[in-house]
Amino acid sequence: MALQRCPECRKKISESAKFCPHCGFSFAEADLEIYRQRLEQRRLHNREVNRKSAKLQLIWLLVFALVIALTSWLAN
């Protein structure tokens, strides 16, 4: 009896199980396709959030560099 992990709750279950006994996740092909689509939507959303976060961090870095440059220039 081989075991696999449920993609929803990550607990080990039998490969022959049609439903996860812990969370009720269905392993029917239609349900798996819906799950894959949701994963892809999450992945795309996370990519967009990361892109926005990187832009924000770059802006803060530039502001910090300008403050240091201005402070250095005023000190001399």
PDB file of N, CA and C in Angstrom:
ATOM      1  N   MET A   1       0.842  -1.170   0.000  1.00  0.00           N
ATOM      2  CA  MET A   1       0.000   0.000   0.000  1.00  0.00           C
ATOM      3  C   MET A   1       0.894   1.242   0.000  1.00  0.00           C
ATOM      4  N   ALA A   2       0.887   1.953  -1.109  1.00  0.00           N
ATOM      5  CA  ALA A   2       1.687   3.158  -1.234  1.00  0.00           C
ATOM      6  C   ALA A   2       0.910   4.353  -0.691  1.00  0.00           C
ATOM      7  N   LEU A   3       1.651   5.317  -0.166  1.00  0.00           N
ATOM      8  CA  LEU A   3       1.035   6.507   0.393  1.00  0.00           C
ATOM      9  C   LEU A   3       1.377   7.723  -0.445  1.00  0.00           C
ATOM     10  N   GLN A   4       0.456   8.661  -0.465  1.00  0.00           N
ATOM     11  CA  GLN A   4       0.689   9.941  -1.117  1.00  0.00           C
ATOM     12  C   GLN A   4       0.202  11.034  -0.182  1.00  0.00           C
ATOM     13  N   ARG A   5       0.573  12.258  -0.464  1.00  0.00           N
ATOM     14  CA  ARG A   5       0.120  13.371   0.365  1.00  0.00           C
ATOM     15  C   ARG A   5      -1.084  14.031  -0.284  1.00  0.00           C
ATOM     16  N   CYS A   6      -2.045  14.367   0.541  1.00  0.00           N
ATOM     17  CA  CYS A   6      -3.214  15.101   0.065  1.00  0.00           C
ATOM     18  C   CYS A   6      -2.757  16.516  -0.291  1.00  0.00           C
ATOM     19  N   PRO A   7      -3.098  17.019  -1.480  1.00  0.00           N
ATOM     20  CA  PRO A   7      -2.651  18.367  -1.846  1.00  0.00           C
ATOM     21  C   PRO A   7      -3.292  19.471  -1.003  1.00  0.00           C
ATOM     22  N   GLU A   8      -4.407  19.186  -0.381  1.00  0.00           N
ATOM     23  CA  GLU A   8      -5.110  20.198   0.402  1.00  0.00           C
ATOM     24  C   GLU A   8      -4.587  20.272   1.836  1.00  0.00           C
ATOM     25  N   CYS A   9      -4.556  19.148   2.553  1.00  0.00           N
ATOM     26  CA  CYS A   9      -4.161  19.172   3.970  1.00  0.00           C
ATOM     27  C   CYS A   9      -2.751  18.626   4.216  1.00  0.00           C
ATOM     28  N   ARG A  10      -2.119  18.061   3.181  1.00  0.00           N
ATOM     29  CA  ARG A  10      -0.734  17.553   3.215  1.00  0.00           C
ATOM     30  C   ARG A  10      -0.543  16.336   4.139  1.00  0.00           C
ATOM     31  N   LYS A  11      -1.615  15.654   4.522  1.00  0.00           N
ATOM     32  CA  LYS A  11      -1.485  14.444   5.337  1.00  0.00           C
ATOM     33  C   LYS A  11      -1.364  13.242   4.411  1.00  0.00           C
ATOM     34  N   LYS A  12      -0.690  12.197   4.899  1.00  0.00           N
ATOM     35  CA  LYS A  12      -0.482  10.996   4.091  1.00  0.00           C
ATOM     36  C   LYS A  12      -1.753  10.158   4.041  1.00  0.00           C
ATOM     37  N   ILE A  13      -2.087   9.723   2.818  1.00  0.00           N
ATOM     38  CA  ILE A  13      -3.251   8.862   2.613  1.00  0.00           C
ATOM     39  C   ILE A  13      -2.899   7.813   1.576  1.00  0.00           C
ATOM     40  N   SER A  14      -3.732   6.811   1.438  1.00  0.00           N
ATOM     41  CA  SER A  14      -3.525   5.742   0.469  1.00  0.00           C
ATOM     42  C   SER A  14      -3.665   6.277  -0.951  1.00  0.00           C
ATOM     43  N   GLU A  15      -2.879   5.731  -1.886  1.00  0.00           N
ATOM     44  CA  GLU A  15      -2.981   6.128  -3.287  1.00  0.00           C
ATOM     45  C   GLU A  15      -4.319   5.750  -3.893  1.00  0.00           C
ATOM     46  N   SER A  16      -4.963   4.728  -3.345  1.00  0.00           N
ATOM     47  CA  SER A  16      -6.231   4.274  -3.906  1.00  0.00           C
ATOM     48  C   SER A  16      -7.447   5.028  -3.343  1.00  0.00           C
ATOM     49  N   ALA A  17      -7.213   5.953  -2.426  1.00  0.00           N
ATOM     50  CA  ALA A  17      -8.325   6.701  -1.820  1.00  0.00           C
ATOM     51  C   ALA A  17      -8.963   7.636  -2.847  1.00  0.00           C
ATOM     52  N   LYS A  18     -10.272   7.716  -2.810  1.00  0.00           N
ATOM     53  CA  LYS A  18     -11.005   8.621  -3.703  1.00  0.00           C
ATOM     54  C   LYS A  18     -11.260   9.956  -3.022  1.00  0.00           C
ATOM     55  N   PHE A  19     -11.249   9.963  -1.694  1.00  0.00           N
ATOM     56  CA  PHE A  19     -11.410  11.169  -0.893  1.00  0.00           C
ATOM     57  C   PHE A  19     -10.383  11.137   0.224  1.00  0.00           C
ATOM     58  N   CYS A  20      -9.939  12.305   0.644  1.00  0.00           N
ATOM     59  CA  CYS A  20      -9.050  12.387   1.805  1.00  0.00           C
ATOM     60  C   CYS A  20      -9.902  12.198   3.058  1.00  0.00           C
ATOM     61  N   PRO A  21      -9.552  11.259   3.922  1.00  0.00           N
ATOM     62  CA  PRO A  21     -10.346  11.053   5.136  1.00  0.00           C
ATOM     63  C   PRO A  21     -10.195  12.196   6.148  1.00  0.00           C
ATOM     64  N   HIS A  22      -9.162  13.032   5.977  1.00  0.00           N
ATOM     65  CA  HIS A  22      -8.917  14.118   6.932  1.00  0.00           C
ATOM     66  C   HIS A  22      -9.674  15.397   6.570  1.00  0.00           C
ATOM     67  N   CYS A  23      -9.603  15.777   5.275  1.00  0.00           N
ATOM     68  CA  CYS A  23     -10.212  17.061   4.886  1.00  0.00           C
ATOM     69  C   CYS A  23     -11.333  16.904   3.864  1.00  0.00           C
ATOM     70  N   GLY A  24     -11.500  15.706   3.289  1.00  0.00           N
ATOM     71  CA  GLY A  24     -12.573  15.476   2.333  1.00  0.00           C
ATOM     72  C   GLY A  24     -12.236  15.855   0.904  1.00  0.00           C
ATOM     73  N   PHE A  25     -10.974  16.163   0.618  1.00  0.00           N
ATOM     74  CA  PHE A  25     -10.569  16.516  -0.741  1.00  0.00           C
ATOM     75  C   PHE A  25     -10.853  15.358  -1.684  1.00  0.00           C
ATOM     76  N   SER A  26     -11.473  15.660  -2.826  1.00  0.00           N
ATOM     77  CA  SER A  26     -11.837  14.630  -3.801  1.00  0.00           C
ATOM     78  C   SER A  26     -10.731  14.464  -4.830  1.00  0.00           C
ATOM     79  N   PHE A  27     -10.401  13.222  -5.155  1.00  0.00           N
ATOM     80  CA  PHE A  27      -9.375  12.944  -6.152  1.00  0.00           C
ATOM     81  C   PHE A  27      -9.968  12.628  -7.520  1.00  0.00           C
ATOM     82  N   ALA A  28     -11.240  12.984  -7.742  1.00  0.00           N
ATOM     83  CA  ALA A  28     -11.856  12.818  -9.058  1.00  0.00           C
ATOM     84  C   ALA A  28     -11.151  13.765 -10.024  1.00  0.00           C
ATOM     85  N   GLU A  29     -11.040  13.361 -11.286  1.00  0.00           N
ATOM     86  CA  GLU A  29     -10.285  14.144 -12.267  1.00  0.00           C
ATOM     87  C   GLU A  29     -10.835  15.557 -12.420  1.00  0.00           C
ATOM     88  N   ALA A  30     -12.139  15.719 -12.405  1.00  0.00           N
ATOM     89  CA  ALA A  30     -12.732  17.053 -12.528  1.00  0.00           C
ATOM     90  C   ALA A  30     -12.341  17.941 -11.349  1.00  0.00           C
ATOM     91  N   ASP A  31     -12.344  17.371 -10.151  1.00  0.00           N
ATOM     92  CA  ASP A  31     -11.972  18.134  -8.959  1.00  0.00           C
ATOM     93  C   ASP A  31     -10.482  18.473  -8.973  1.00  0.00           C
ATOM     94  N   LEU A  32      -9.670  17.544  -9.458  1.00  0.00           N
ATOM     95  CA  LEU A  32      -8.235  17.818  -9.550  1.00  0.00           C
ATOM     96  C   LEU A  32      -7.958  18.949 -10.541  1.00  0.00           C
ATOM     97  N   GLU A  33      -8.703  19.005 -11.629  1.00  0.00           N
ATOM     98  CA  GLU A  33      -8.523  20.072 -12.614  1.00  0.00           C
ATOM     99  C   GLU A  33      -8.900  21.423 -12.012  1.00  0.00           C
ATOM    100  N   ILE A  34      -9.967  21.461 -11.247  1.00  0.00           N
ATOM    101  CA  ILE A  34     -10.359  22.702 -10.561  1.00  0.00           C
ATOM    102  C   ILE A  34      -9.265  23.120  -9.584  1.00  0.00           C
ATOM    103  N   TYR A  35      -8.706  22.155  -8.874  1.00  0.00           N
ATOM    104  CA  TYR A  35      -7.635  22.440  -7.917  1.00  0.00           C
ATOM    105  C   TYR A  35      -6.414  22.998  -8.645  1.00  0.00           C
ATOM    106  N   ARG A  36      -6.058  22.417  -9.790  1.00  0.00           N
ATOM    107  CA  ARG A  36      -4.911  22.911 -10.574  1.00  0.00           C
ATOM    108  C   ARG A  36      -5.147  24.343 -11.053  1.00  0.00           C
ATOM    109  N   GLN A  37      -6.371  24.642 -11.460  1.00  0.00           N
ATOM    110  CA  GLN A  37      -6.689  26.000 -11.903  1.00  0.00           C
ATOM    111  C   GLN A  37      -6.562  27.002 -10.754  1.00  0.00           C
ATOM    112  N   ARG A  38      -7.026  26.609  -9.572  1.00  0.00           N
ATOM    113  CA  ARG A  38      -6.886  27.495  -8.413  1.00  0.00           C
ATOM    114  C   ARG A  38      -5.421  27.709  -8.049  1.00  0.00           C
ATOM    115  N   LEU A  39      -4.616  26.645  -8.150  1.00  0.00           N
ATOM    116  CA  LEU A  39      -3.189  26.786  -7.871  1.00  0.00           C
ATOM    117  C   LEU A  39      -2.537  27.749  -8.853  1.00  0.00           C
ATOM    118  N   GLU A  40      -2.903  27.653 -10.126  1.00  0.00           N
ATOM    119  CA  GLU A  40      -2.346  28.548 -11.136  1.00  0.00           C
ATOM    120  C   GLU A  40      -2.763  29.993 -10.864  1.00  0.00           C
ATOM    121  N   GLN A  41      -4.007  30.221 -10.458  1.00  0.00           N
ATOM    122  CA  GLN A  41      -4.459  31.569 -10.119  1.00  0.00           C
ATOM    123  C   GLN A  41      -3.686  32.124  -8.931  1.00  0.00           C
ATOM    124  N   ARG A  42      -3.455  31.287  -7.915  1.00  0.00           N
ATOM    125  CA  ARG A  42      -2.666  31.725  -6.757  1.00  0.00           C
ATOM    126  C   ARG A  42      -1.238  32.058  -7.154  1.00  0.00           C
ATOM    127  N   ARG A  43      -0.664  31.214  -8.025  1.00  0.00           N
ATOM    128  CA  ARG A  43       0.715  31.443  -8.470  1.00  0.00           C
ATOM    129  C   ARG A  43       0.827  32.772  -9.203  1.00  0.00           C
ATOM    130  N   LEU A  44      -0.115  33.071 -10.092  1.00  0.00           N
ATOM    131  CA  LEU A  44      -0.095  34.326 -10.832  1.00  0.00           C
ATOM    132  C   LEU A  44      -0.308  35.525  -9.902  1.00  0.00           C
ATOM    133  N   HIS A  45      -1.212  35.375  -8.933  1.00  0.00           N
ATOM    134  CA  HIS A  45      -1.442  36.440  -7.965  1.00  0.00           C
ATOM    135  C   HIS A  45      -0.173  36.694  -7.142  1.00  0.00           C
ATOM    136  N   ASN A  46       0.471  35.631  -6.676  1.00  0.00           N
ATOM    137  CA  ASN A  46       1.692  35.785  -5.882  1.00  0.00           C
ATOM    138  C   ASN A  46       2.808  36.428  -6.701  1.00  0.00           C
ATOM    139  N   ARG A  47       2.882  36.093  -7.985  1.00  0.00           N
ATOM    140  CA  ARG A  47       3.896  36.696  -8.846  1.00  0.00           C
ATOM    141  C   ARG A  47       3.667  38.206  -8.936  1.00  0.00           C
ATOM    142  N   GLU A  48       2.410  38.616  -9.089  1.00  0.00           N
ATOM    143  CA  GLU A  48       2.085  40.040  -9.170  1.00  0.00           C
ATOM    144  C   GLU A  48       2.403  40.749  -7.860  1.00  0.00           C
ATOM    145  N   VAL A  49       2.073  40.128  -6.737  1.00  0.00           N
ATOM    146  CA  VAL A  49       2.370  40.716  -5.425  1.00  0.00           C
ATOM    147  C   VAL A  49       3.880  40.867  -5.252  1.00  0.00           C
ATOM    148  N   ASN A  50       4.644  39.861  -5.646  1.00  0.00           N
ATOM    149  CA  ASN A  50       6.101  39.927  -5.529  1.00  0.00           C
ATOM    150  C   ASN A  50       6.674  41.023  -6.419  1.00  0.00           C
ATOM    151  N   ARG A  51       6.115  41.176  -7.610  1.00  0.00           N
ATOM    152  CA  ARG A  51       6.585  42.221  -8.524  1.00  0.00           C
ATOM    153  C   ARG A  51       6.341  43.597  -7.916  1.00  0.00           C
ATOM    154  N   LYS A  52       5.155  43.802  -7.335  1.00  0.00           N
ATOM    155  CA  LYS A  52       4.848  45.085  -6.702  1.00  0.00           C
ATOM    156  C   LYS A  52       5.747  45.321  -5.494  1.00  0.00           C
ATOM    157  N   SER A  53       6.007  44.275  -4.734  1.00  0.00           N
ATOM    158  CA  SER A  53       6.864  44.388  -3.564  1.00  0.00           C
ATOM    159  C   SER A  53       8.289  44.759  -3.968  1.00  0.00           C
ATOM    160  N   ALA A  54       8.794  44.173  -5.036  1.00  0.00           N
ATOM    161  CA  ALA A  54      10.142  44.484  -5.508  1.00  0.00           C
ATOM    162  C   ALA A  54      10.231  45.945  -5.941  1.00  0.00           C
ATOM    163  N   LYS A  55       9.203  46.445  -6.606  1.00  0.00           N
ATOM    164  CA  LYS A  55       9.187  47.853  -7.018  1.00  0.00           C
ATOM    165  C   LYS A  55       9.199  48.767  -5.803  1.00  0.00           C
ATOM    166  N   LEU A  56       8.399  48.435  -4.804  1.00  0.00           N
ATOM    167  CA  LEU A  56       8.338  49.241  -3.596  1.00  0.00           C
ATOM    168  C   LEU A  56       9.681  49.250  -2.869  1.00  0.00           C
ATOM    169  N   GLN A  57      10.328  48.104  -2.790  1.00  0.00           N
ATOM    170  CA  GLN A  57      11.633  48.033  -2.138  1.00  0.00           C
ATOM    171  C   GLN A  57      12.667  48.852  -2.893  1.00  0.00           C
ATOM    172  N   LEU A  58      12.606  48.844  -4.216  1.00  0.00           N
ATOM    173  CA  LEU A  58      13.527  49.644  -5.023  1.00  0.00           C
ATOM    174  C   LEU A  58      13.296  51.134  -4.779  1.00  0.00           C
ATOM    175  N   ILE A  59      12.048  51.550  -4.683  1.00  0.00           N
ATOM    176  CA  ILE A  59      11.741  52.952  -4.410  1.00  0.00           C
ATOM    177  C   ILE A  59      12.303  53.361  -3.051  1.00  0.00           C
ATOM    178  N   TRP A  60      12.106  52.530  -2.035  1.00  0.00           N
ATOM    179  CA  TRP A  60      12.637  52.847  -0.699  1.00  0.00           C
ATOM    180  C   TRP A  60      14.162  52.897  -0.705  1.00  0.00           C
ATOM    181  N   LEU A  61      14.791  52.033  -1.468  1.00  0.00           N
ATOM    182  CA  LEU A  61      16.251  52.051  -1.569  1.00  0.00           C
ATOM    183  C   LEU A  61      16.722  53.365  -2.193  1.00  0.00           C
ATOM    184  N   LEU A  62      16.037  53.807  -3.237  1.00  0.00           N
ATOM    185  CA  LEU A  62      16.400  55.070  -3.867  1.00  0.00           C
ATOM    186  C   LEU A  62      16.186  56.253  -2.921  1.00  0.00           C
ATOM    187  N   VAL A  63      15.093  56.255  -2.184  1.00  0.00           N
ATOM    188  CA  VAL A  63      14.845  57.322  -1.205  1.00  0.00           C
ATOM    189  C   VAL A  63      15.933  57.321  -0.146  1.00  0.00           C
ATOM    190  N   PHE A  64      16.293  56.169   0.350  1.00  0.00           N
ATOM    191  CA  PHE A  64      17.345  56.051   1.359  1.00  0.00           C
ATOM    192  C   PHE A  64      18.681  56.558   0.810  1.00  0.00           C
ATOM    193  N   ALA A  65      19.002  56.174  -0.428  1.00  0.00           N
ATOM    194  CA  ALA A  65      20.254  56.628  -1.036  1.00  0.00           C
ATOM    195  C   ALA A  65      20.252  58.139  -1.225  1.00  0.00           C
ATOM    196  N   LEU A  66      19.114  58.702  -1.616  1.00  0.00           N
ATOM    197  CA  LEU A  66      19.031  60.164  -1.770  1.00  0.00           C
ATOM    198  C   LEU A  66      19.189  60.882  -0.431  1.00  0.00           C
ATOM    199  N   VAL A  67      18.594  60.357   0.624  1.00  0.00           N
ATOM    200  CA  VAL A  67      18.733  60.960   1.951  1.00  0.00           C
ATOM    201  C   VAL A  67      20.187  60.921   2.397  1.00  0.00           C
ATOM    202  N   ILE A  68      20.866  59.815   2.185  1.00  0.00           N
ATOM    203  CA  ILE A  68      22.279  59.708   2.571  1.00  0.00           C
ATOM    204  C   ILE A  68      23.128  60.666   1.742  1.00  0.00           C
ATOM    205  N   ALA A  69      22.861  60.739   0.438  1.00  0.00           N
ATOM    206  CA  ALA A  69      23.618  61.645  -0.420  1.00  0.00           C
ATOM    207  C   ALA A  69      23.389  63.096  -0.017  1.00  0.00           C
ATOM    208  N   LEU A  70      22.146  63.463   0.262  1.00  0.00           N
ATOM    209  CA  LEU A  70      21.829  64.826   0.673  1.00  0.00           C
ATOM    210  C   LEU A  70      22.478  65.156   2.009  1.00  0.00           C
ATOM    211  N   THR A  71      22.434  64.247   2.945  1.00  0.00           N
ATOM    212  CA  THR A  71      23.048  64.444   4.253  1.00  0.00           C
ATOM    213  C   THR A  71      24.552  64.609   4.114  1.00  0.00           C
ATOM    214  N   SER A  72      25.158  63.785   3.282  1.00  0.00           N
ATOM    215  CA  SER A  72      26.595  63.866   3.048  1.00  0.00           C
ATOM    216  C   SER A  72      26.955  65.203   2.398  1.00  0.00           C
ATOM    217  N   TRP A  73      26.169  65.659   1.466  1.00  0.00           N
ATOM    218  CA  TRP A  73      26.439  66.902   0.763  1.00  0.00           C
ATOM    219  C   TRP A  73      26.276  68.092   1.721  1.00  0.00           C
ATOM    220  N   LEU A  74      25.260  68.051   2.589  1.00  0.00           N
ATOM    221  CA  LEU A  74      25.043  69.141   3.539  1.00  0.00           C
ATOM    222  C   LEU A  74      26.104  69.165   4.648  1.00  0.00           C
ATOM    223  N   ALA A  75      26.661  68.025   4.981  1.00  0.00           N
ATOM    224  CA  ALA A  75      27.663  67.945   6.034  1.00  0.00           C
ATOM    225  C   ALA A  75      28.993  68.561   5.577  1.00  0.00           C
ATOM    226  N   ASN A  76      29.231  68.555   4.279  1.00  0.00           N
ATOM    227  CA  ASN A  76      30.510  69.111   3.774  1.00  0.00           C
ATOM    228  C   ASN A  76      30.362  70.543   3.530  1.00  0.00           C
TER     229      ASN A  76
END
